[in-house]
């Protein structure tokens, strides 16, 4: 049996409802409201960045955002393939070859512009260690087996332990130790949480601990730490970084964003917003402090968005 046609007035009402729903959907992107996939790397500031972006994109642009966890090496292939849309905190000193390959040569990933914060990786010890042994403020002190031995553990024997972070992070510490002839051995903590737990435990017992860390981070408001002075960074020192030639300090990193080259066509409003996204180290430090106070990443990101509307409104297309 054929279905009866709807009365004209019903058709008008239904069309009106559809139009009203479309108008109230948050002004979805010209790309049709596609789901946006943002990459979170395994450290808190990266997770905060993408959660800030997610809140703004979903509220102001109408696109659903999915956050996926990927390490900083695997993310390049995901962006090149278009299976992810953006990663918002790249530390360029560890990705020279990938920047050249994916952005400059193959042009399958786009430089999304600066995020804003300046990052710095370094070696740190509690300041009480330096107070007791001033020679350990610089790398030369760790050439002395007796001084380096203050950091020895059952795992390292007579050598001092240098505690590294998440194994997926870009780290040149084993090369630095070898090339400078230091009496140290790298032991990987396994994750940022494990690294923080190691530092916290040593600090509570006022014991020596030497470890890799980075700024900006809330750890520096929690502990009194001193950065160990390594030979100054030079471009020549890092010219053979991939071949194990690093024998100097890490450089300061102007953190930047990377985008899929397909994003502009897929969701042009989201593309513009992410290109415009830029805030200072103070924004990250503010949110990181909230994590220390017990807020979740999502809660800290929401609190920052709520308090800084005038700033992020300028990112919108």
C-alpha atoms as a PDB file:
ATOM      1  CA  UNK A   1       0.000   0.000   0.000  1.00  0.00           C
ATOM      2  CA  UNK A   2       1.348   3.476  -0.835  1.00  0.00           C
ATOM      3  CA  UNK A   3       2.068   5.827   2.042  1.00  0.00           C
ATOM      4  CA  UNK A   4      -0.116   8.912   2.314  1.00  0.00           C
ATOM      5  CA  UNK A   5       1.573  12.291   1.664  1.00  0.00           C
ATOM      6  CA  UNK A   6       2.103  14.509   4.695  1.00  0.00           C
ATOM      7  CA  UNK A   7      -0.176  17.549   4.932  1.00  0.00           C
ATOM      8  CA  UNK A   8       1.502  20.780   3.738  1.00  0.00           C
ATOM      9  CA  UNK A   9       1.481  22.375   7.209  1.00  0.00           C
ATOM     10  CA  UNK A  10       3.280  19.362   8.677  1.00  0.00           C
ATOM     11  CA  UNK A  11       5.977  19.608   6.016  1.00  0.00           C
ATOM     12  CA  UNK A  12       6.474  23.298   6.816  1.00  0.00           C
ATOM     13  CA  UNK A  13       6.739  22.564  10.542  1.00  0.00           C
ATOM     14  CA  UNK A  14       9.276  19.775   9.984  1.00  0.00           C
ATOM     15  CA  UNK A  15      11.419  21.898   7.672  1.00  0.00           C
ATOM     16  CA  UNK A  16      11.351  24.754  10.150  1.00  0.00           C
ATOM     17  CA  UNK A  17      12.461  22.428  12.950  1.00  0.00           C
ATOM     18  CA  UNK A  18      15.365  21.138  10.860  1.00  0.00           C
ATOM     19  CA  UNK A  19      16.499  24.668  10.035  1.00  0.00           C
ATOM     20  CA  UNK A  20      16.272  25.767  13.676  1.00  0.00           C
ATOM     21  CA  UNK A  21      18.271  22.733  14.789  1.00  0.00           C
ATOM     22  CA  UNK A  22      20.960  23.517  12.221  1.00  0.00           C
ATOM     23  CA  UNK A  23      21.150  27.144  13.338  1.00  0.00           C
ATOM     24  CA  UNK A  24      21.463  26.195  17.012  1.00  0.00           C
ATOM     25  CA  UNK A  25      24.127  23.541  16.535  1.00  0.00           C
ATOM     26  CA  UNK A  26      26.987  25.923  17.408  1.00  0.00           C
ATOM     27  CA  UNK A  27      27.676  27.076  13.843  1.00  0.00           C
ATOM     28  CA  UNK A  28      29.430  23.874  12.753  1.00  0.00           C
ATOM     29  CA  UNK A  29      32.408  24.040  10.421  1.00  0.00           C
ATOM     30  CA  UNK A  30      32.111  24.465   6.684  1.00  0.00           C
ATOM     31  CA  UNK A  31      33.392  20.903   6.472  1.00  0.00           C
ATOM     32  CA  UNK A  32      30.052  19.546   7.710  1.00  0.00           C
ATOM     33  CA  UNK A  33      30.872  19.100  11.391  1.00  0.00           C
ATOM     34  CA  UNK A  34      33.469  16.367  10.916  1.00  0.00           C
ATOM     35  CA  UNK A  35      35.002  14.802  14.013  1.00  0.00           C
ATOM     36  CA  UNK A  36      38.415  16.295  14.777  1.00  0.00           C
ATOM     37  CA  UNK A  37      41.151  14.029  16.146  1.00  0.00           C
ATOM     38  CA  UNK A  38      43.752  15.695  18.356  1.00  0.00           C
ATOM     39  CA  UNK A  39      46.895  13.932  19.566  1.00  0.00           C
ATOM     40  CA  UNK A  40      47.916  14.004  23.232  1.00  0.00           C
ATOM     41  CA  UNK A  41      51.541  13.119  23.939  1.00  0.00           C
ATOM     42  CA  UNK A  42      52.477  11.481  27.263  1.00  0.00           C
ATOM     43  CA  UNK A  43      53.137  14.591  29.344  1.00  0.00           C
ATOM     44  CA  UNK A  44      50.678  16.904  31.137  1.00  0.00           C
ATOM     45  CA  UNK A  45      51.114  20.131  29.167  1.00  0.00           C
ATOM     46  CA  UNK A  46      50.383  18.319  25.892  1.00  0.00           C
ATOM     47  CA  UNK A  47      47.231  16.840  27.429  1.00  0.00           C
ATOM     48  CA  UNK A  48      46.185  20.276  28.687  1.00  0.00           C
ATOM     49  CA  UNK A  49      46.711  21.912  25.276  1.00  0.00           C
ATOM     50  CA  UNK A  50      44.450  19.486  23.446  1.00  0.00           C
ATOM     51  CA  UNK A  51      41.774  19.649  26.132  1.00  0.00           C
ATOM     52  CA  UNK A  52      41.715  23.448  25.890  1.00  0.00           C
ATOM     53  CA  UNK A  53      41.368  23.124  22.111  1.00  0.00           C
ATOM     54  CA  UNK A  54      38.643  20.470  22.459  1.00  0.00           C
ATOM     55  CA  UNK A  55      36.511  22.669  24.739  1.00  0.00           C
ATOM     56  CA  UNK A  56      36.716  25.651  22.385  1.00  0.00           C
ATOM     57  CA  UNK A  57      36.187  23.681  19.178  1.00  0.00           C
ATOM     58  CA  UNK A  58      33.145  21.815  20.490  1.00  0.00           C
ATOM     59  CA  UNK A  59      31.556  24.875  22.089  1.00  0.00           C
ATOM     60  CA  UNK A  60      32.292  27.513  19.465  1.00  0.00           C
ATOM     61  CA  UNK A  61      32.672  25.619  16.176  1.00  0.00           C
ATOM     62  CA  UNK A  62      30.326  22.677  16.679  1.00  0.00           C
ATOM     63  CA  UNK A  63      32.732  19.880  15.765  1.00  0.00           C
ATOM     64  CA  UNK A  64      33.083  16.808  17.945  1.00  0.00           C
ATOM     65  CA  UNK A  65      36.675  16.297  19.132  1.00  0.00           C
ATOM     66  CA  UNK A  66      38.321  12.970  19.859  1.00  0.00           C
ATOM     67  CA  UNK A  67      41.619  12.905  21.768  1.00  0.00           C
ATOM     68  CA  UNK A  68      43.973  10.011  21.084  1.00  0.00           C
ATOM     69  CA  UNK A  69      47.167   9.205  22.991  1.00  0.00           C
ATOM     70  CA  UNK A  70      50.244   8.814  20.775  1.00  0.00           C
ATOM     71  CA  UNK A  71      53.933   9.233  21.472  1.00  0.00           C
ATOM     72  CA  UNK A  72      55.797  12.084  19.816  1.00  0.00           C
ATOM     73  CA  UNK A  73      57.422   9.812  17.221  1.00  0.00           C
ATOM     74  CA  UNK A  74      54.351   7.857  16.097  1.00  0.00           C
ATOM     75  CA  UNK A  75      52.277  11.017  15.669  1.00  0.00           C
ATOM     76  CA  UNK A  76      54.031  12.065  12.464  1.00  0.00           C
ATOM     77  CA  UNK A  77      52.798   9.061  10.476  1.00  0.00           C
ATOM     78  CA  UNK A  78      49.282   9.484  11.864  1.00  0.00           C
ATOM     79  CA  UNK A  79      49.154  13.089  10.691  1.00  0.00           C
ATOM     80  CA  UNK A  80      50.699  12.252   7.334  1.00  0.00           C
ATOM     81  CA  UNK A  81      48.049   9.578   6.756  1.00  0.00           C
ATOM     82  CA  UNK A  82      45.203  11.887   7.822  1.00  0.00           C
ATOM     83  CA  UNK A  83      44.127   9.527  10.615  1.00  0.00           C
ATOM     84  CA  UNK A  84      44.758  12.376  13.066  1.00  0.00           C
ATOM     85  CA  UNK A  85      44.359  16.111  12.550  1.00  0.00           C
ATOM     86  CA  UNK A  86      46.732  17.940  14.879  1.00  0.00           C
ATOM     87  CA  UNK A  87      49.349  17.705  17.624  1.00  0.00           C
ATOM     88  CA  UNK A  88      49.807  20.904  19.576  1.00  0.00           C
ATOM     89  CA  UNK A  89      53.187  20.702  21.344  1.00  0.00           C
ATOM     90  CA  UNK A  90      56.227  19.654  19.342  1.00  0.00           C
ATOM     91  CA  UNK A  91      59.727  20.120  20.823  1.00  0.00           C
ATOM     92  CA  UNK A  92      61.733  20.752  17.638  1.00  0.00           C
ATOM     93  CA  UNK A  93      65.203  19.900  18.990  1.00  0.00           C
ATOM     94  CA  UNK A  94      64.277  16.221  19.011  1.00  0.00           C
ATOM     95  CA  UNK A  95      62.627  16.148  15.599  1.00  0.00           C
ATOM     96  CA  UNK A  96      65.004  17.778  13.130  1.00  0.00           C
ATOM     97  CA  UNK A  97      64.938  14.820  10.731  1.00  0.00           C
ATOM     98  CA  UNK A  98      61.149  14.453  10.915  1.00  0.00           C
ATOM     99  CA  UNK A  99      60.615  18.173  10.339  1.00  0.00           C
ATOM    100  CA  UNK A 100      62.816  17.958   7.257  1.00  0.00           C
ATOM    101  CA  UNK A 101      61.164  14.750   6.008  1.00  0.00           C
ATOM    102  CA  UNK A 102      57.474  15.298   6.707  1.00  0.00           C
ATOM    103  CA  UNK A 103      57.149  19.093   6.504  1.00  0.00           C
ATOM    104  CA  UNK A 104      59.861  20.369   4.188  1.00  0.00           C
ATOM    105  CA  UNK A 105      60.444  17.497   1.755  1.00  0.00           C
ATOM    106  CA  UNK A 106      57.297  15.346   1.544  1.00  0.00           C
ATOM    107  CA  UNK A 107      54.926  18.177   2.578  1.00  0.00           C
ATOM    108  CA  UNK A 108      52.535  15.669   4.204  1.00  0.00           C
ATOM    109  CA  UNK A 109      52.478  17.473   7.564  1.00  0.00           C
ATOM    110  CA  UNK A 110      52.036  21.228   8.034  1.00  0.00           C
ATOM    111  CA  UNK A 111      53.800  23.489  10.504  1.00  0.00           C
ATOM    112  CA  UNK A 112      50.874  24.955  12.437  1.00  0.00           C
ATOM    113  CA  UNK A 113      52.850  27.862  13.889  1.00  0.00           C
ATOM    114  CA  UNK A 114      54.147  28.538  17.397  1.00  0.00           C
ATOM    115  CA  UNK A 115      52.183  27.389  20.433  1.00  0.00           C
ATOM    116  CA  UNK A 116      53.795  30.130  22.519  1.00  0.00           C
ATOM    117  CA  UNK A 117      55.696  28.550  25.437  1.00  0.00           C
ATOM    118  CA  UNK A 118      59.458  28.163  25.322  1.00  0.00           C
ATOM    119  CA  UNK A 119      60.519  24.740  26.573  1.00  0.00           C
ATOM    120  CA  UNK A 120      63.834  23.681  28.023  1.00  0.00           C
ATOM    121  CA  UNK A 121      65.105  20.204  28.846  1.00  0.00           C
ATOM    122  CA  UNK A 122      67.888  19.732  31.354  1.00  0.00           C
ATOM    123  CA  UNK A 123      69.520  17.758  34.146  1.00  0.00           C
ATOM    124  CA  UNK A 124      68.377  18.530  37.674  1.00  0.00           C
ATOM    125  CA  UNK A 125      69.344  17.714  41.249  1.00  0.00           C
ATOM    126  CA  UNK A 126      67.803  18.851  44.545  1.00  0.00           C
ATOM    127  CA  UNK A 127      69.512  22.043  45.711  1.00  0.00           C
ATOM    128  CA  UNK A 128      70.508  20.357  48.979  1.00  0.00           C
ATOM    129  CA  UNK A 129      72.839  18.138  46.928  1.00  0.00           C
ATOM    130  CA  UNK A 130      74.638  21.205  45.558  1.00  0.00           C
ATOM    131  CA  UNK A 131      74.835  22.753  49.020  1.00  0.00           C
ATOM    132  CA  UNK A 132      76.680  19.675  50.238  1.00  0.00           C
ATOM    133  CA  UNK A 133      78.797  19.160  47.093  1.00  0.00           C
ATOM    134  CA  UNK A 134      79.152  22.360  45.036  1.00  0.00           C
ATOM    135  CA  UNK A 135      81.203  20.535  42.359  1.00  0.00           C
ATOM    136  CA  UNK A 136      78.002  18.758  41.257  1.00  0.00           C
ATOM    137  CA  UNK A 137      76.540  22.015  39.953  1.00  0.00           C
ATOM    138  CA  UNK A 138      78.406  21.420  36.669  1.00  0.00           C
ATOM    139  CA  UNK A 139      79.032  18.406  34.478  1.00  0.00           C
ATOM    140  CA  UNK A 140      82.724  18.192  35.421  1.00  0.00           C
ATOM    141  CA  UNK A 141      81.776  17.040  38.912  1.00  0.00           C
ATOM    142  CA  UNK A 142      80.260  13.862  37.495  1.00  0.00           C
ATOM    143  CA  UNK A 143      83.597  12.826  35.970  1.00  0.00           C
ATOM    144  CA  UNK A 144      84.763  12.114  39.520  1.00  0.00           C
ATOM    145  CA  UNK A 145      83.726   8.508  40.337  1.00  0.00           C
ATOM    146  CA  UNK A 146      83.510   9.324  44.046  1.00  0.00           C
ATOM    147  CA  UNK A 147      81.098  12.221  43.533  1.00  0.00           C
ATOM    148  CA  UNK A 148      79.079  10.452  40.853  1.00  0.00           C
ATOM    149  CA  UNK A 149      78.959   7.444  43.162  1.00  0.00           C
ATOM    150  CA  UNK A 150      76.742   9.426  45.533  1.00  0.00           C
ATOM    151  CA  UNK A 151      73.954   8.648  43.055  1.00  0.00           C
ATOM    152  CA  UNK A 152      74.788   4.927  42.781  1.00  0.00           C
ATOM    153  CA  UNK A 153      72.028   2.344  43.201  1.00  0.00           C
ATOM    154  CA  UNK A 154      71.868  -1.416  43.264  1.00  0.00           C
ATOM    155  CA  UNK A 155      71.081  -1.268  39.545  1.00  0.00           C
ATOM    156  CA  UNK A 156      74.118   0.834  38.600  1.00  0.00           C
ATOM    157  CA  UNK A 157      76.785  -0.568  40.928  1.00  0.00           C
ATOM    158  CA  UNK A 158      79.669   1.886  41.342  1.00  0.00           C
ATOM    159  CA  UNK A 159      78.292   4.266  38.703  1.00  0.00           C
ATOM    160  CA  UNK A 160      75.915   7.052  39.560  1.00  0.00           C
ATOM    161  CA  UNK A 161      72.321   6.666  38.395  1.00  0.00           C
ATOM    162  CA  UNK A 162      70.930   9.192  35.945  1.00  0.00           C
ATOM    163  CA  UNK A 163      67.151   8.785  35.966  1.00  0.00           C
ATOM    164  CA  UNK A 164      65.521   9.278  32.578  1.00  0.00           C
ATOM    165  CA  UNK A 165      61.840   9.758  31.816  1.00  0.00           C
ATOM    166  CA  UNK A 166      59.274   8.095  29.583  1.00  0.00           C
ATOM    167  CA  UNK A 167      61.169   5.987  27.006  1.00  0.00           C
ATOM    168  CA  UNK A 168      59.099   7.498  24.190  1.00  0.00           C
ATOM    169  CA  UNK A 169      60.505  10.978  24.929  1.00  0.00           C
ATOM    170  CA  UNK A 170      63.387  12.212  22.802  1.00  0.00           C
ATOM    171  CA  UNK A 171      66.435  11.994  25.102  1.00  0.00           C
ATOM    172  CA  UNK A 172      70.169  12.255  24.397  1.00  0.00           C
ATOM    173  CA  UNK A 173      71.417  11.669  27.922  1.00  0.00           C
ATOM    174  CA  UNK A 174      73.195   8.361  27.289  1.00  0.00           C
ATOM    175  CA  UNK A 175      75.136  10.027  24.452  1.00  0.00           C
ATOM    176  CA  UNK A 176      75.978  13.068  26.596  1.00  0.00           C
ATOM    177  CA  UNK A 177      77.246  10.819  29.404  1.00  0.00           C
ATOM    178  CA  UNK A 178      79.361   8.710  27.046  1.00  0.00           C
ATOM    179  CA  UNK A 179      80.780  11.619  25.054  1.00  0.00           C
ATOM    180  CA  UNK A 180      81.695  13.650  28.153  1.00  0.00           C
ATOM    181  CA  UNK A 181      83.167  10.627  29.959  1.00  0.00           C
ATOM    182  CA  UNK A 182      80.908  10.851  33.013  1.00  0.00           C
ATOM    183  CA  UNK A 183      80.680   8.133  35.671  1.00  0.00           C
ATOM    184  CA  UNK A 184      76.943   7.728  35.218  1.00  0.00           C
ATOM    185  CA  UNK A 185      74.494   5.166  33.887  1.00  0.00           C
ATOM    186  CA  UNK A 186      71.022   5.911  32.528  1.00  0.00           C
ATOM    187  CA  UNK A 187      68.099   4.144  34.180  1.00  0.00           C
ATOM    188  CA  UNK A 188      64.676   4.775  32.660  1.00  0.00           C
ATOM    189  CA  UNK A 189      61.847   5.530  35.066  1.00  0.00           C
ATOM    190  CA  UNK A 190      59.244   4.348  32.549  1.00  0.00           C
ATOM    191  CA  UNK A 191      56.812   7.271  32.701  1.00  0.00           C
ATOM    192  CA  UNK A 192      56.578  10.832  33.929  1.00  0.00           C
ATOM    193  CA  UNK A 193      54.607   9.686  36.970  1.00  0.00           C
ATOM    194  CA  UNK A 194      57.314   7.156  37.840  1.00  0.00           C
ATOM    195  CA  UNK A 195      60.016   9.786  37.396  1.00  0.00           C
ATOM    196  CA  UNK A 196      58.160  12.203  39.670  1.00  0.00           C
ATOM    197  CA  UNK A 197      57.700   9.456  42.261  1.00  0.00           C
ATOM    198  CA  UNK A 198      61.452   8.730  42.218  1.00  0.00           C
ATOM    199  CA  UNK A 199      62.273  12.399  42.735  1.00  0.00           C
ATOM    200  CA  UNK A 200      59.640  12.826  45.440  1.00  0.00           C
ATOM    201  CA  UNK A 201      60.877   9.778  47.344  1.00  0.00           C
ATOM    202  CA  UNK A 202      64.522  10.918  47.232  1.00  0.00           C
ATOM    203  CA  UNK A 203      63.567  14.456  48.218  1.00  0.00           C
ATOM    204  CA  UNK A 204      61.540  13.254  51.204  1.00  0.00           C
ATOM    205  CA  UNK A 205      64.588  11.321  52.440  1.00  0.00           C
ATOM    206  CA  UNK A 206      67.052  14.112  51.473  1.00  0.00           C
ATOM    207  CA  UNK A 207      68.952  11.669  49.288  1.00  0.00           C
ATOM    208  CA  UNK A 208      70.847  12.473  46.067  1.00  0.00           C
ATOM    209  CA  UNK A 209      68.945  12.090  42.797  1.00  0.00           C
ATOM    210  CA  UNK A 210      70.018  13.221  39.324  1.00  0.00           C
ATOM    211  CA  UNK A 211      67.335  13.252  36.667  1.00  0.00           C
ATOM    212  CA  UNK A 212      66.063  14.472  33.313  1.00  0.00           C
ATOM    213  CA  UNK A 213      63.262  17.015  33.347  1.00  0.00           C
ATOM    214  CA  UNK A 214      61.802  19.931  31.441  1.00  0.00           C
ATOM    215  CA  UNK A 215      60.121  23.275  31.896  1.00  0.00           C
ATOM    216  CA  UNK A 216      57.535  24.684  32.059  1.00  0.00           C
ATOM    217  CA  UNK A 217      56.301  22.270  34.733  1.00  0.00           C
ATOM    218  CA  UNK A 218      54.762  22.482  38.205  1.00  0.00           C
ATOM    219  CA  UNK A 219      57.608  20.393  39.678  1.00  0.00           C
ATOM    220  CA  UNK A 220      59.613  23.595  40.168  1.00  0.00           C
ATOM    221  CA  UNK A 221      57.034  25.010  42.551  1.00  0.00           C
ATOM    222  CA  UNK A 222      57.054  21.739  44.510  1.00  0.00           C
ATOM    223  CA  UNK A 223      60.788  21.151  44.954  1.00  0.00           C
ATOM    224  CA  UNK A 224      63.870  23.341  45.251  1.00  0.00           C
ATOM    225  CA  UNK A 225      65.917  22.109  42.291  1.00  0.00           C
ATOM    226  CA  UNK A 226      69.143  23.176  40.608  1.00  0.00           C
ATOM    227  CA  UNK A 227      69.860  22.632  36.925  1.00  0.00           C
ATOM    228  CA  UNK A 228      73.241  21.033  36.256  1.00  0.00           C
ATOM    229  CA  UNK A 229      75.370  23.117  33.925  1.00  0.00           C
ATOM    230  CA  UNK A 230      76.327  21.162  30.798  1.00  0.00           C
ATOM    231  CA  UNK A 231      78.543  22.433  27.957  1.00  0.00           C
ATOM    232  CA  UNK A 232      76.563  25.131  26.122  1.00  0.00           C
ATOM    233  CA  UNK A 233      74.330  24.140  23.234  1.00  0.00           C
ATOM    234  CA  UNK A 234      75.619  24.728  19.716  1.00  0.00           C
ATOM    235  CA  UNK A 235      74.213  23.782  16.329  1.00  0.00           C
ATOM    236  CA  UNK A 236      77.446  21.903  15.633  1.00  0.00           C
ATOM    237  CA  UNK A 237      76.954  19.821  18.781  1.00  0.00           C
ATOM    238  CA  UNK A 238      73.575  18.635  17.479  1.00  0.00           C
ATOM    239  CA  UNK A 239      74.635  18.235  13.853  1.00  0.00           C
ATOM    240  CA  UNK A 240      75.115  14.494  14.415  1.00  0.00           C
ATOM    241  CA  UNK A 241      72.417  14.022  17.045  1.00  0.00           C
ATOM    242  CA  UNK A 242      70.936  10.979  15.304  1.00  0.00           C
ATOM    243  CA  UNK A 243      74.386   9.387  15.156  1.00  0.00           C
ATOM    244  CA  UNK A 244      75.057   9.715  18.878  1.00  0.00           C
ATOM    245  CA  UNK A 245      77.209  12.842  18.723  1.00  0.00           C
ATOM    246  CA  UNK A 246      75.505  15.053  21.344  1.00  0.00           C
ATOM    247  CA  UNK A 247      77.879  16.269  24.076  1.00  0.00           C
ATOM    248  CA  UNK A 248      76.224  19.479  25.276  1.00  0.00           C
ATOM    249  CA  UNK A 249      73.081  20.945  26.804  1.00  0.00           C
ATOM    250  CA  UNK A 250      69.659  20.691  25.217  1.00  0.00           C
ATOM    251  CA  UNK A 251      68.585  23.834  23.327  1.00  0.00           C
ATOM    252  CA  UNK A 252      65.681  26.048  24.243  1.00  0.00           C
ATOM    253  CA  UNK A 253      62.687  24.921  22.200  1.00  0.00           C
ATOM    254  CA  UNK A 254      60.133  27.231  20.631  1.00  0.00           C
ATOM    255  CA  UNK A 255      57.199  24.818  20.919  1.00  0.00           C
ATOM    256  CA  UNK A 256      55.040  24.570  17.818  1.00  0.00           C
ATOM    257  CA  UNK A 257      51.990  22.790  16.408  1.00  0.00           C
ATOM    258  CA  UNK A 258      51.782  20.296  13.557  1.00  0.00           C
ATOM    259  CA  UNK A 259      48.673  19.696  11.465  1.00  0.00           C
ATOM    260  CA  UNK A 260      47.478  17.239   8.869  1.00  0.00           C
ATOM    261  CA  UNK A 261      47.626  18.836   5.431  1.00  0.00           C
ATOM    262  CA  UNK A 262      44.074  17.543   4.968  1.00  0.00           C
ATOM    263  CA  UNK A 263      42.643  19.563   7.864  1.00  0.00           C
ATOM    264  CA  UNK A 264      42.106  22.852   6.029  1.00  0.00           C
ATOM    265  CA  UNK A 265      39.841  21.183   3.476  1.00  0.00           C
ATOM    266  CA  UNK A 266      38.171  18.936   6.054  1.00  0.00           C
ATOM    267  CA  UNK A 267      37.345  21.636   8.608  1.00  0.00           C
ATOM    268  CA  UNK A 268      38.569  25.120   7.642  1.00  0.00           C
ATOM    269  CA  UNK A 269      37.263  26.864  10.763  1.00  0.00           C
ATOM    270  CA  UNK A 270      39.017  24.369  13.036  1.00  0.00           C
ATOM    271  CA  UNK A 271      42.159  24.736  10.940  1.00  0.00           C
ATOM    272  CA  UNK A 272      42.106  28.524  11.392  1.00  0.00           C
ATOM    273  CA  UNK A 273      41.436  28.281  15.125  1.00  0.00           C
ATOM    274  CA  UNK A 274      44.326  25.839  15.687  1.00  0.00           C
ATOM    275  CA  UNK A 275      46.684  27.960  13.580  1.00  0.00           C
ATOM    276  CA  UNK A 276      45.757  30.969  15.732  1.00  0.00           C
ATOM    277  CA  UNK A 277      46.025  29.114  19.058  1.00  0.00           C
ATOM    278  CA  UNK A 278      48.896  30.688  20.969  1.00  0.00           C
ATOM    279  CA  UNK A 279      49.476  31.300  24.656  1.00  0.00           C
ATOM    280  CA  UNK A 280      52.476  31.822  26.897  1.00  0.00           C
ATOM    281  CA  UNK A 281      54.253  29.618  29.394  1.00  0.00           C
ATOM    282  CA  UNK A 282      52.182  31.327  32.100  1.00  0.00           C
ATOM    283  CA  UNK A 283      49.015  29.684  30.782  1.00  0.00           C
ATOM    284  CA  UNK A 284      50.549  26.223  31.001  1.00  0.00           C
ATOM    285  CA  UNK A 285      52.035  26.897  34.438  1.00  0.00           C
ATOM    286  CA  UNK A 286      48.614  28.085  35.650  1.00  0.00           C
ATOM    287  CA  UNK A 287      46.959  24.858  34.512  1.00  0.00           C
ATOM    288  CA  UNK A 288      49.816  22.631  35.698  1.00  0.00           C
ATOM    289  CA  UNK A 289      49.461  24.156  39.160  1.00  0.00           C
ATOM    290  CA  UNK A 290      45.785  23.180  39.109  1.00  0.00           C
ATOM    291  CA  UNK A 291      46.802  19.569  38.447  1.00  0.00           C
ATOM    292  CA  UNK A 292      49.040  19.748  41.506  1.00  0.00           C
ATOM    293  CA  UNK A 293      46.033  20.942  43.497  1.00  0.00           C
ATOM    294  CA  UNK A 294      44.082  17.841  42.503  1.00  0.00           C
ATOM    295  CA  UNK A 295      42.138  18.925  39.428  1.00  0.00           C
ATOM    296  CA  UNK A 296      41.903  16.577  36.460  1.00  0.00           C
ATOM    297  CA  UNK A 297      43.316  17.608  33.091  1.00  0.00           C
ATOM    298  CA  UNK A 298      39.775  18.252  31.856  1.00  0.00           C
ATOM    299  CA  UNK A 299      38.908  20.373  34.908  1.00  0.00           C
ATOM    300  CA  UNK A 300      42.098  22.438  34.647  1.00  0.00           C
ATOM    301  CA  UNK A 301      41.548  23.079  30.939  1.00  0.00           C
ATOM    302  CA  UNK A 302      37.942  24.109  31.560  1.00  0.00           C
ATOM    303  CA  UNK A 303      38.988  26.450  34.376  1.00  0.00           C
ATOM    304  CA  UNK A 304      41.526  28.155  32.113  1.00  0.00           C
ATOM    305  CA  UNK A 305      38.981  28.535  29.300  1.00  0.00           C
ATOM    306  CA  UNK A 306      36.413  29.976  31.721  1.00  0.00           C
ATOM    307  CA  UNK A 307      38.908  32.517  33.085  1.00  0.00           C
ATOM    308  CA  UNK A 308      40.514  33.625  29.805  1.00  0.00           C
ATOM    309  CA  UNK A 309      37.701  34.095  27.293  1.00  0.00           C
ATOM    310  CA  UNK A 310      39.145  37.366  26.017  1.00  0.00           C
ATOM    311  CA  UNK A 311      42.359  35.565  25.065  1.00  0.00           C
ATOM    312  CA  UNK A 312      40.966  32.540  23.254  1.00  0.00           C
ATOM    313  CA  UNK A 313      38.175  34.455  21.517  1.00  0.00           C
ATOM    314  CA  UNK A 314      40.945  35.922  19.381  1.00  0.00           C
ATOM    315  CA  UNK A 315      41.796  32.471  18.057  1.00  0.00           C
ATOM    316  CA  UNK A 316      38.394  31.976  16.455  1.00  0.00           C
ATOM    317  CA  UNK A 317      37.898  32.503  12.700  1.00  0.00           C
END
